[in-house]
Amino acid sequence: MSQRNGDKSRYNRERKQNIHRRTRTRELLSAEAQGQSGGNRAADRVNNAVERDNKETAADKKNMLSGTSEVLHA
């Protein structure tokens, strides 16, 4: 109905979201049926992103500190 009314952007976005949700659900259920923990894949992605952000933040802090120490010692 939305597509007929010209609301193609929202219709296609919602359609893609539904397709992606169904795909994730099927993967989770099949992994669970095989005895694997498929839900951990999402948790691993989040943990990896957090670790990467922490490393970047630590590197930024190190660069900031080294930059200010050079200014103070100069």
C-alpha atoms as a PDB file:
ATOM      1  CA  MET A   1       0.000   0.000   0.000  1.00  0.00           C
ATOM      2  CA  SER A   2       2.773   2.425   0.872  1.00  0.00           C
ATOM      3  CA  GLN A   3       4.558   1.771  -2.382  1.00  0.00           C
ATOM      4  CA  ARG A   4       1.384   2.495  -4.343  1.00  0.00           C
ATOM      5  CA  ASN A   5       1.021   5.807  -2.504  1.00  0.00           C
ATOM      6  CA  GLY A   6       4.512   6.906  -3.476  1.00  0.00           C
ATOM      7  CA  ASP A   7       6.244   6.322  -0.116  1.00  0.00           C
ATOM      8  CA  LYS A   8       8.909   4.158  -1.735  1.00  0.00           C
ATOM      9  CA  SER A   9      11.800   5.118   0.515  1.00  0.00           C
ATOM     10  CA  ARG A  10      10.107   4.079   3.757  1.00  0.00           C
ATOM     11  CA  TYR A  11       8.562   1.011   2.160  1.00  0.00           C
ATOM     12  CA  ASN A  12      11.921  -0.246   0.853  1.00  0.00           C
ATOM     13  CA  ARG A  13      13.713   0.544   4.128  1.00  0.00           C
ATOM     14  CA  GLU A  14      11.153  -1.364   6.166  1.00  0.00           C
ATOM     15  CA  ARG A  15      11.194  -4.239   3.659  1.00  0.00           C
ATOM     16  CA  LYS A  16      14.984  -4.535   3.927  1.00  0.00           C
ATOM     17  CA  GLN A  17      14.798  -4.386   7.734  1.00  0.00           C
ATOM     18  CA  ASN A  18      12.260  -7.210   7.753  1.00  0.00           C
ATOM     19  CA  ILE A  19      14.350  -9.334   5.392  1.00  0.00           C
ATOM     20  CA  HIS A  20      17.459  -8.768   7.536  1.00  0.00           C
ATOM     21  CA  ARG A  21      15.543  -9.575  10.736  1.00  0.00           C
ATOM     22  CA  ARG A  22      14.230 -12.836   9.254  1.00  0.00           C
ATOM     23  CA  THR A  23      17.727 -13.791   8.093  1.00  0.00           C
ATOM     24  CA  ARG A  24      19.227 -13.168  11.532  1.00  0.00           C
ATOM     25  CA  THR A  25      16.427 -15.125  13.185  1.00  0.00           C
ATOM     26  CA  ARG A  26      16.934 -18.096  10.855  1.00  0.00           C
ATOM     27  CA  GLU A  27      20.696 -18.068  11.468  1.00  0.00           C
ATOM     28  CA  LEU A  28      20.181 -17.916  15.223  1.00  0.00           C
ATOM     29  CA  LEU A  29      17.664 -20.759  15.219  1.00  0.00           C
ATOM     30  CA  SER A  30      19.768 -22.977  12.957  1.00  0.00           C
ATOM     31  CA  ALA A  31      22.879 -22.338  15.063  1.00  0.00           C
ATOM     32  CA  GLU A  32      20.949 -23.160  18.211  1.00  0.00           C
ATOM     33  CA  ALA A  33      19.604 -26.350  16.639  1.00  0.00           C
ATOM     34  CA  GLN A  34      23.163 -27.409  15.773  1.00  0.00           C
ATOM     35  CA  GLY A  35      24.308 -26.768  19.338  1.00  0.00           C
ATOM     36  CA  GLN A  36      26.328 -23.680  18.492  1.00  0.00           C
ATOM     37  CA  SER A  37      25.927 -20.384  20.286  1.00  0.00           C
ATOM     38  CA  GLY A  38      24.939 -18.195  17.345  1.00  0.00           C
ATOM     39  CA  GLY A  39      23.964 -15.325  19.624  1.00  0.00           C
ATOM     40  CA  ASN A  40      27.584 -14.878  20.643  1.00  0.00           C
ATOM     41  CA  ARG A  41      28.478 -13.711  17.151  1.00  0.00           C
ATOM     42  CA  ALA A  42      26.679 -10.409  17.734  1.00  0.00           C
ATOM     43  CA  ALA A  43      28.252 -10.111  21.181  1.00  0.00           C
ATOM     44  CA  ASP A  44      31.690 -10.769  19.676  1.00  0.00           C
ATOM     45  CA  ARG A  45      31.140  -8.018  17.117  1.00  0.00           C
ATOM     46  CA  VAL A  46      30.214  -5.577  19.884  1.00  0.00           C
ATOM     47  CA  ASN A  47      33.198  -6.606  22.014  1.00  0.00           C
ATOM     48  CA  ASN A  48      35.562  -6.228  19.057  1.00  0.00           C
ATOM     49  CA  ALA A  49      34.188  -2.766  18.335  1.00  0.00           C
ATOM     50  CA  VAL A  50      34.605  -1.742  21.979  1.00  0.00           C
ATOM     51  CA  GLU A  51      38.169  -3.063  22.077  1.00  0.00           C
ATOM     52  CA  ARG A  52      39.007  -1.227  18.843  1.00  0.00           C
ATOM     53  CA  ASP A  53      37.535   1.997  20.238  1.00  0.00           C
ATOM     54  CA  ASN A  54      39.513   1.567  23.453  1.00  0.00           C
ATOM     55  CA  LYS A  55      42.749   1.063  21.503  1.00  0.00           C
ATOM     56  CA  GLU A  56      42.046   4.138  19.388  1.00  0.00           C
ATOM     57  CA  THR A  57      41.236   6.183  22.475  1.00  0.00           C
ATOM     58  CA  ALA A  58      44.420   5.018  24.207  1.00  0.00           C
ATOM     59  CA  ALA A  59      46.461   5.877  21.114  1.00  0.00           C
ATOM     60  CA  ASP A  60      44.809   9.298  20.908  1.00  0.00           C
ATOM     61  CA  LYS A  61      45.574   9.969  24.574  1.00  0.00           C
ATOM     62  CA  LYS A  62      49.161   8.859  24.078  1.00  0.00           C
ATOM     63  CA  ASN A  63      49.519  11.146  21.061  1.00  0.00           C
ATOM     64  CA  MET A  64      47.967  14.030  22.961  1.00  0.00           C
ATOM     65  CA  LEU A  65      50.245  13.524  25.921  1.00  0.00           C
ATOM     66  CA  SER A  66      53.354  13.170  23.802  1.00  0.00           C
ATOM     67  CA  GLY A  67      52.399  16.295  21.870  1.00  0.00           C
ATOM     68  CA  THR A  68      51.878  18.380  25.006  1.00  0.00           C
ATOM     69  CA  SER A  69      55.022  17.082  26.658  1.00  0.00           C
ATOM     70  CA  GLU A  70      57.048  18.173  23.634  1.00  0.00           C
ATOM     71  CA  VAL A  71      55.524  21.619  23.877  1.00  0.00           C
ATOM     72  CA  LEU A  72      56.263  21.826  27.595  1.00  0.00           C
ATOM     73  CA  HIS A  73      59.876  20.616  27.204  1.00  0.00           C
ATOM     74  CA  ALA A  74      60.642  22.852  24.224  1.00  0.00           C
END
